[in-house]
């Protein structure tokens, strides 16, 4: 009843106040900088031009892909040749 409506009204007021008074920081527009970096013809593939994190993400993805493929092939091989009961 009335407790729920009071609680709902309080939550509504708090949320509106929080949203309306939140500080907004102006961020510098880095798009031209990124465009220049990614469009530069330096022989580096576009998926690695972002730097160290891109390289780590790429290598981790390749490692997991190779491991996953190998493990899948191993499991298929084990499933195709069941153990013989003696």
C-alpha atoms as a PDB file:
ATOM      1  CA  UNK A   1       0.000   0.000   0.000  1.00  0.00           C
ATOM      2  CA  UNK A   2       1.071   3.408   1.087  1.00  0.00           C
ATOM      3  CA  UNK A   3       4.611   2.344   2.148  1.00  0.00           C
ATOM      4  CA  UNK A   4       5.323   1.063  -1.345  1.00  0.00           C
ATOM      5  CA  UNK A   5       4.121   4.308  -2.951  1.00  0.00           C
ATOM      6  CA  UNK A   6       6.226   6.418  -0.545  1.00  0.00           C
ATOM      7  CA  UNK A   7       9.275   4.264  -1.255  1.00  0.00           C
ATOM      8  CA  UNK A   8       8.677   4.464  -5.002  1.00  0.00           C
ATOM      9  CA  UNK A   9       8.337   8.253  -4.835  1.00  0.00           C
ATOM     10  CA  UNK A  10      11.579   8.543  -2.816  1.00  0.00           C
ATOM     11  CA  UNK A  11      13.455   6.368  -5.292  1.00  0.00           C
ATOM     12  CA  UNK A  12      12.093   8.425  -8.186  1.00  0.00           C
ATOM     13  CA  UNK A  13      13.256  11.689  -6.575  1.00  0.00           C
ATOM     14  CA  UNK A  14      16.716  10.322  -5.781  1.00  0.00           C
ATOM     15  CA  UNK A  15      17.211   8.931  -9.274  1.00  0.00           C
ATOM     16  CA  UNK A  16      16.109  12.162 -10.963  1.00  0.00           C
ATOM     17  CA  UNK A  17      18.395  14.218  -8.747  1.00  0.00           C
ATOM     18  CA  UNK A  18      21.347  11.894  -9.380  1.00  0.00           C
ATOM     19  CA  UNK A  19      20.852  11.956 -13.131  1.00  0.00           C
ATOM     20  CA  UNK A  20      20.301  15.697 -13.409  1.00  0.00           C
ATOM     21  CA  UNK A  21      23.225  16.698 -11.175  1.00  0.00           C
ATOM     22  CA  UNK A  22      25.786  14.233 -12.508  1.00  0.00           C
ATOM     23  CA  UNK A  23      28.955  15.991 -13.568  1.00  0.00           C
ATOM     24  CA  UNK A  24      29.651  15.812 -17.260  1.00  0.00           C
ATOM     25  CA  UNK A  25      33.236  15.917 -18.395  1.00  0.00           C
ATOM     26  CA  UNK A  26      34.056  17.154 -21.835  1.00  0.00           C
ATOM     27  CA  UNK A  27      36.234  14.665 -23.657  1.00  0.00           C
ATOM     28  CA  UNK A  28      38.594  15.654 -26.420  1.00  0.00           C
ATOM     29  CA  UNK A  29      37.577  14.497 -29.887  1.00  0.00           C
ATOM     30  CA  UNK A  30      40.143  11.820 -30.724  1.00  0.00           C
ATOM     31  CA  UNK A  31      38.474  10.635 -33.935  1.00  0.00           C
ATOM     32  CA  UNK A  32      40.800  12.535 -36.326  1.00  0.00           C
ATOM     33  CA  UNK A  33      43.808  11.187 -34.417  1.00  0.00           C
ATOM     34  CA  UNK A  34      42.505   7.610 -34.682  1.00  0.00           C
ATOM     35  CA  UNK A  35      41.620   8.066 -38.358  1.00  0.00           C
ATOM     36  CA  UNK A  36      45.159   9.167 -39.104  1.00  0.00           C
ATOM     37  CA  UNK A  37      46.625   6.239 -37.134  1.00  0.00           C
ATOM     38  CA  UNK A  38      44.415   3.574 -38.722  1.00  0.00           C
ATOM     39  CA  UNK A  39      44.688   4.940 -42.283  1.00  0.00           C
ATOM     40  CA  UNK A  40      48.488   5.187 -42.220  1.00  0.00           C
ATOM     41  CA  UNK A  41      50.039   2.853 -44.796  1.00  0.00           C
ATOM     42  CA  UNK A  42      52.775   1.230 -42.722  1.00  0.00           C
ATOM     43  CA  UNK A  43      52.232  -2.448 -43.546  1.00  0.00           C
ATOM     44  CA  UNK A  44      50.636  -3.274 -40.176  1.00  0.00           C
ATOM     45  CA  UNK A  45      47.252  -5.040 -40.456  1.00  0.00           C
ATOM     46  CA  UNK A  46      44.384  -2.827 -39.306  1.00  0.00           C
ATOM     47  CA  UNK A  47      43.416  -5.228 -36.511  1.00  0.00           C
ATOM     48  CA  UNK A  48      46.870  -4.752 -34.931  1.00  0.00           C
ATOM     49  CA  UNK A  49      47.253  -0.980 -35.332  1.00  0.00           C
ATOM     50  CA  UNK A  50      45.720  -0.242 -31.929  1.00  0.00           C
ATOM     51  CA  UNK A  51      48.906  -1.176 -30.091  1.00  0.00           C
ATOM     52  CA  UNK A  52      49.953  -3.680 -27.455  1.00  0.00           C
ATOM     53  CA  UNK A  53      46.442  -4.614 -26.311  1.00  0.00           C
ATOM     54  CA  UNK A  54      45.405  -5.420 -29.887  1.00  0.00           C
ATOM     55  CA  UNK A  55      48.456  -7.654 -30.301  1.00  0.00           C
ATOM     56  CA  UNK A  56      47.792  -9.454 -27.004  1.00  0.00           C
ATOM     57  CA  UNK A  57      44.117  -9.908 -27.847  1.00  0.00           C
ATOM     58  CA  UNK A  58      44.999 -11.236 -31.322  1.00  0.00           C
ATOM     59  CA  UNK A  59      47.587 -13.695 -30.018  1.00  0.00           C
ATOM     60  CA  UNK A  60      45.315 -14.891 -27.208  1.00  0.00           C
ATOM     61  CA  UNK A  61      42.494 -15.415 -29.705  1.00  0.00           C
ATOM     62  CA  UNK A  62      44.769 -17.371 -32.045  1.00  0.00           C
ATOM     63  CA  UNK A  63      46.100 -19.502 -29.173  1.00  0.00           C
ATOM     64  CA  UNK A  64      42.599 -20.339 -27.938  1.00  0.00           C
ATOM     65  CA  UNK A  65      41.419 -21.060 -31.486  1.00  0.00           C
ATOM     66  CA  UNK A  66      44.308 -23.427 -32.206  1.00  0.00           C
ATOM     67  CA  UNK A  67      43.944 -25.155 -28.819  1.00  0.00           C
ATOM     68  CA  UNK A  68      40.168 -25.456 -29.261  1.00  0.00           C
ATOM     69  CA  UNK A  69      40.496 -26.890 -32.759  1.00  0.00           C
ATOM     70  CA  UNK A  70      43.132 -29.396 -31.635  1.00  0.00           C
ATOM     71  CA  UNK A  71      41.073 -30.462 -28.627  1.00  0.00           C
ATOM     72  CA  UNK A  72      37.964 -30.859 -30.786  1.00  0.00           C
ATOM     73  CA  UNK A  73      39.849 -33.045 -33.270  1.00  0.00           C
ATOM     74  CA  UNK A  74      41.227 -35.140 -30.376  1.00  0.00           C
ATOM     75  CA  UNK A  75      37.724 -35.634 -28.939  1.00  0.00           C
ATOM     76  CA  UNK A  76      36.360 -36.597 -32.375  1.00  0.00           C
ATOM     77  CA  UNK A  77      39.158 -39.147 -32.732  1.00  0.00           C
ATOM     78  CA  UNK A  78      38.449 -40.600 -29.273  1.00  0.00           C
ATOM     79  CA  UNK A  79      34.715 -40.775 -30.058  1.00  0.00           C
ATOM     80  CA  UNK A  80      35.382 -42.493 -33.393  1.00  0.00           C
ATOM     81  CA  UNK A  81      37.516 -45.210 -31.766  1.00  0.00           C
ATOM     82  CA  UNK A  82      35.711 -46.422 -28.619  1.00  0.00           C
ATOM     83  CA  UNK A  83      37.535 -48.636 -26.114  1.00  0.00           C
ATOM     84  CA  UNK A  84      37.097 -52.363 -26.674  1.00  0.00           C
ATOM     85  CA  UNK A  85      35.563 -54.408 -23.849  1.00  0.00           C
ATOM     86  CA  UNK A  86      37.481 -57.616 -23.170  1.00  0.00           C
END
